[in-house]
């Protein structure tokens, strides 16, 4: 999922996707331990998706803080 696609989602949807990605990473770790994992590149893809989701959430938090600070000054 690209960052532009993530930005179109609501905050609740992003949090839901983040939870799903974290669960997927946990499943991948279990598969690796049990020897069932075939595509090890999924680790990297999942970690990067988690990072993208967290980055966009943080961008929204910062934007909300800026807006509330601007409203406080006015």
C-alpha atoms as a PDB file:
ATOM      1  CA  UNK A   1       0.000   0.000   0.000  1.00  0.00           C
ATOM      2  CA  UNK A   2       1.453   3.330  -1.056  1.00  0.00           C
ATOM      3  CA  UNK A   3       1.580   6.400   1.159  1.00  0.00           C
ATOM      4  CA  UNK A   4      -0.815   8.246  -1.151  1.00  0.00           C
ATOM      5  CA  UNK A   5      -3.356   5.445  -0.714  1.00  0.00           C
ATOM      6  CA  UNK A   6      -2.904   5.490   3.052  1.00  0.00           C
ATOM      7  CA  UNK A   7      -3.449   9.261   3.219  1.00  0.00           C
ATOM      8  CA  UNK A   8      -6.889   8.788   1.652  1.00  0.00           C
ATOM      9  CA  UNK A   9      -7.961   6.568   4.571  1.00  0.00           C
ATOM     10  CA  UNK A  10      -9.520   7.848   7.777  1.00  0.00           C
ATOM     11  CA  UNK A  11      -7.521   7.752  10.993  1.00  0.00           C
ATOM     12  CA  UNK A  12      -9.598   4.844  12.286  1.00  0.00           C
ATOM     13  CA  UNK A  13      -8.927   2.864   9.116  1.00  0.00           C
ATOM     14  CA  UNK A  14      -5.199   3.532   9.400  1.00  0.00           C
ATOM     15  CA  UNK A  15      -5.184   2.306  12.997  1.00  0.00           C
ATOM     16  CA  UNK A  16      -7.059  -0.813  11.900  1.00  0.00           C
ATOM     17  CA  UNK A  17      -4.536  -1.431   9.091  1.00  0.00           C
ATOM     18  CA  UNK A  18      -1.698  -0.918  11.579  1.00  0.00           C
ATOM     19  CA  UNK A  19      -3.136  -3.560  13.899  1.00  0.00           C
ATOM     20  CA  UNK A  20      -3.536  -5.958  10.974  1.00  0.00           C
ATOM     21  CA  UNK A  21       0.055  -5.373   9.841  1.00  0.00           C
ATOM     22  CA  UNK A  22       1.401  -5.989  13.341  1.00  0.00           C
ATOM     23  CA  UNK A  23      -0.564  -9.246  13.533  1.00  0.00           C
ATOM     24  CA  UNK A  24       0.787 -10.226  10.111  1.00  0.00           C
ATOM     25  CA  UNK A  25       4.351  -9.595  11.305  1.00  0.00           C
ATOM     26  CA  UNK A  26       3.731 -11.785  14.335  1.00  0.00           C
ATOM     27  CA  UNK A  27       2.371 -14.573  12.110  1.00  0.00           C
ATOM     28  CA  UNK A  28       5.433 -14.275   9.869  1.00  0.00           C
ATOM     29  CA  UNK A  29       7.712 -14.664  12.870  1.00  0.00           C
ATOM     30  CA  UNK A  30       5.876 -17.814  13.949  1.00  0.00           C
ATOM     31  CA  UNK A  31       6.074 -19.199  10.423  1.00  0.00           C
ATOM     32  CA  UNK A  32       9.806 -18.544  10.330  1.00  0.00           C
ATOM     33  CA  UNK A  33      10.362 -20.356  13.619  1.00  0.00           C
ATOM     34  CA  UNK A  34       8.312 -23.354  12.522  1.00  0.00           C
ATOM     35  CA  UNK A  35       9.988 -23.454   9.114  1.00  0.00           C
ATOM     36  CA  UNK A  36       6.802 -22.756   7.155  1.00  0.00           C
ATOM     37  CA  UNK A  37       7.887 -19.343   5.828  1.00  0.00           C
ATOM     38  CA  UNK A  38       8.821 -19.408   2.152  1.00  0.00           C
ATOM     39  CA  UNK A  39       8.960 -15.719   1.202  1.00  0.00           C
ATOM     40  CA  UNK A  40      11.246 -13.951   3.672  1.00  0.00           C
ATOM     41  CA  UNK A  41      10.804 -10.639   1.840  1.00  0.00           C
ATOM     42  CA  UNK A  42       7.399 -10.383   3.520  1.00  0.00           C
ATOM     43  CA  UNK A  43       9.197  -9.330   6.720  1.00  0.00           C
ATOM     44  CA  UNK A  44      10.619  -6.249   5.051  1.00  0.00           C
ATOM     45  CA  UNK A  45       7.378  -5.392   3.270  1.00  0.00           C
ATOM     46  CA  UNK A  46       5.350  -5.685   6.459  1.00  0.00           C
ATOM     47  CA  UNK A  47       7.813  -3.663   8.543  1.00  0.00           C
ATOM     48  CA  UNK A  48       7.849  -0.911   5.936  1.00  0.00           C
ATOM     49  CA  UNK A  49       4.047  -0.858   5.803  1.00  0.00           C
ATOM     50  CA  UNK A  50       3.969  -0.474   9.592  1.00  0.00           C
ATOM     51  CA  UNK A  51       6.465   2.392   9.329  1.00  0.00           C
ATOM     52  CA  UNK A  52       4.390   4.122   6.634  1.00  0.00           C
ATOM     53  CA  UNK A  53       1.210   3.811   8.670  1.00  0.00           C
ATOM     54  CA  UNK A  54       2.875   5.134  11.821  1.00  0.00           C
ATOM     55  CA  UNK A  55       4.466   8.027   9.921  1.00  0.00           C
ATOM     56  CA  UNK A  56       1.169   9.167   8.448  1.00  0.00           C
ATOM     57  CA  UNK A  57      -0.542   8.888  11.839  1.00  0.00           C
ATOM     58  CA  UNK A  58       2.202  11.037  13.348  1.00  0.00           C
ATOM     59  CA  UNK A  59       1.857  13.591  10.531  1.00  0.00           C
ATOM     60  CA  UNK A  60      -1.833  13.885  11.349  1.00  0.00           C
ATOM     61  CA  UNK A  61      -1.079  14.309  15.067  1.00  0.00           C
ATOM     62  CA  UNK A  62       1.397  17.097  14.345  1.00  0.00           C
ATOM     63  CA  UNK A  63      -1.077  18.822  12.024  1.00  0.00           C
ATOM     64  CA  UNK A  64      -3.787  18.642  14.689  1.00  0.00           C
ATOM     65  CA  UNK A  65      -1.398  20.104  17.272  1.00  0.00           C
ATOM     66  CA  UNK A  66      -0.527  22.973  14.932  1.00  0.00           C
ATOM     67  CA  UNK A  67      -4.183  23.715  14.281  1.00  0.00           C
ATOM     68  CA  UNK A  68      -5.052  23.696  17.968  1.00  0.00           C
ATOM     69  CA  UNK A  69      -2.086  25.952  18.726  1.00  0.00           C
ATOM     70  CA  UNK A  70      -3.181  28.387  16.024  1.00  0.00           C
ATOM     71  CA  UNK A  71      -6.727  28.423  17.386  1.00  0.00           C
ATOM     72  CA  UNK A  72      -5.370  29.096  20.865  1.00  0.00           C
ATOM     73  CA  UNK A  73      -3.482  32.166  19.648  1.00  0.00           C
ATOM     74  CA  UNK A  74      -6.470  33.654  17.830  1.00  0.00           C
END
